Amino acid sequence: MLRKALRMSVHPGQQAEYERRHNPIWRELEDTLLRHGVRSYTIFLDAATSDLFAYVEVESEERWQAIASTDVCRRWWRHMREIMPSNPDDSPVSRELREVFHVEGREPA
């Protein structure tokens, strides 16, 4: 399983709208994520800065990248572009974070 983390942001004053659009997320988008090997996907909001932190567990980088070419993903990006910084292709501006520490659950010594 591949763990990925990303930083994005939402425009000031759009935090509530960002959250509203994710609750619930489109069923078609959720199904697409799951079909492409996403096992867990969480987004956190820092209300003081409007920064978003996304954490995803996915089966492979190739399957993760393939999501971007789906129709539903492209529609979602267009749906979100006015409330968050976006690239020319409507994808959200994001920075991938490098993992520097991880611990798996086990029985303590």
Protein backbone atom coordinates (compact mmCIF):
# COMPACT_ATOMS: atom_id res chain seq x y z
CA MET A 1 0.00 0.00 0.00
CA LEU A 2 1.29 3.44 -0.96
CA ARG A 3 0.77 6.36 1.45
CA LYS A 4 0.55 9.83 -0.09
CA ALA A 5 0.16 13.26 1.47
CA LEU A 6 -0.70 16.51 -0.33
CA ARG A 7 -1.07 20.17 0.59
CA MET A 8 -3.72 22.27 -1.07
CA SER A 9 -5.71 25.31 -0.02
CA VAL A 10 -9.16 26.80 -0.23
CA HIS A 11 -9.85 30.45 -0.99
CA PRO A 12 -10.52 32.64 2.07
CA GLY A 13 -14.20 32.68 2.90
CA GLN A 14 -14.83 29.39 1.04
CA GLN A 15 -14.08 26.95 3.86
CA ALA A 16 -17.73 26.18 4.64
CA GLU A 17 -18.52 25.74 0.94
CA TYR A 18 -15.55 23.39 0.51
CA GLU A 19 -16.79 21.27 3.39
CA ARG A 20 -20.40 21.36 2.14
CA ARG A 21 -19.33 20.07 -1.29
CA HIS A 22 -17.58 17.11 0.32
CA ASN A 23 -20.49 16.10 2.57
CA PRO A 24 -21.52 13.97 0.90
CA ILE A 25 -19.03 13.62 -1.92
CA TRP A 26 -20.50 12.54 -5.25
CA ARG A 27 -21.16 8.80 -5.13
CA GLU A 28 -19.77 8.41 -8.67
CA LEU A 29 -16.50 10.05 -7.58
CA GLU A 30 -16.26 7.89 -4.47
CA ASP A 31 -16.85 4.76 -6.57
CA THR A 32 -14.15 5.86 -9.03
CA LEU A 33 -11.64 6.38 -6.23
CA LEU A 34 -12.37 2.94 -4.82
CA ARG A 35 -12.18 1.27 -8.26
CA HIS A 36 -8.76 2.87 -8.74
CA GLY A 37 -7.33 1.32 -5.58
CA VAL A 38 -7.93 4.06 -3.02
CA ARG A 39 -8.31 2.38 0.36
CA SER A 40 -8.49 5.47 2.56
CA TYR A 41 -8.68 9.19 1.74
CA THR A 42 -8.88 11.95 4.35
CA ILE A 43 -8.68 15.73 3.97
CA PHE A 44 -8.03 18.02 6.93
CA LEU A 45 -8.61 21.80 7.02
CA ASP A 46 -6.53 24.31 8.98
CA ALA A 47 -9.19 26.98 9.53
CA ALA A 48 -6.60 29.60 10.56
CA THR A 49 -4.73 29.41 7.22
CA SER A 50 -7.23 27.80 4.80
CA ASP A 51 -4.62 25.11 4.15
CA LEU A 52 -5.78 21.60 3.31
CA PHE A 53 -3.84 18.45 4.14
CA ALA A 54 -4.84 15.32 2.24
CA TYR A 55 -3.77 11.81 3.18
CA VAL A 56 -4.50 8.89 0.89
CA GLU A 57 -3.67 5.20 0.89
CA VAL A 58 -3.71 3.73 -2.60
CA GLU A 59 -2.61 0.48 -4.21
CA SER A 60 -0.18 2.04 -6.71
CA GLU A 61 1.02 5.33 -8.15
CA GLU A 62 -0.18 4.29 -11.61
CA ARG A 63 -3.74 3.69 -10.40
CA TRP A 64 -3.68 6.96 -8.46
CA GLN A 65 -2.54 8.90 -11.54
CA ALA A 66 -5.22 7.24 -13.69
CA ILE A 67 -7.97 8.87 -11.62
CA ALA A 68 -7.11 12.25 -13.16
CA SER A 69 -8.13 11.04 -16.62
CA THR A 70 -11.65 9.97 -15.58
CA ASP A 71 -14.64 12.05 -16.60
CA VAL A 72 -15.96 12.30 -13.05
CA CYS A 73 -12.64 13.58 -11.74
CA ARG A 74 -12.51 16.26 -14.44
CA ARG A 75 -16.09 17.31 -13.61
CA TRP A 76 -15.19 17.44 -9.90
CA TRP A 77 -12.21 19.69 -10.60
CA ARG A 78 -14.44 22.06 -12.61
CA HIS A 79 -16.96 21.99 -9.76
CA MET A 80 -14.25 23.01 -7.24
CA ARG A 81 -12.17 25.48 -9.27
CA GLU A 82 -13.90 28.65 -8.06
CA ILE A 83 -13.35 27.89 -4.38
CA MET A 84 -9.72 26.79 -4.43
CA PRO A 85 -6.52 27.65 -6.34
CA SER A 86 -6.54 25.66 -9.57
CA ASN A 87 -4.20 24.85 -12.44
CA PRO A 88 -5.06 25.60 -16.10
CA ASP A 89 -6.51 22.05 -16.44
CA ASP A 90 -8.79 22.80 -13.42
CA SER A 91 -6.89 20.40 -11.14
CA PRO A 92 -6.29 21.82 -7.68
CA VAL A 93 -2.91 23.40 -7.04
CA SER A 94 -1.21 20.90 -4.78
CA ARG A 95 2.18 19.98 -3.43
CA GLU A 96 3.08 16.41 -2.63
CA LEU A 97 4.69 15.92 0.76
CA ARG A 98 7.54 13.47 1.32
CA GLU A 99 7.06 10.93 4.08
CA VAL A 100 9.76 11.15 6.75
CA PHE A 101 8.26 8.99 9.51
CA HIS A 102 5.71 6.21 9.84
CA VAL A 103 4.89 3.66 12.50
CA GLU A 104 2.61 0.65 12.10
CA GLY A 105 0.45 -0.55 14.96
CA ARG A 106 1.88 -3.44 16.98
CA GLU A 107 1.93 -4.64 20.55
CA PRO A 108 4.24 -2.43 22.66
CA ALA A 109 7.40 -4.01 24.07
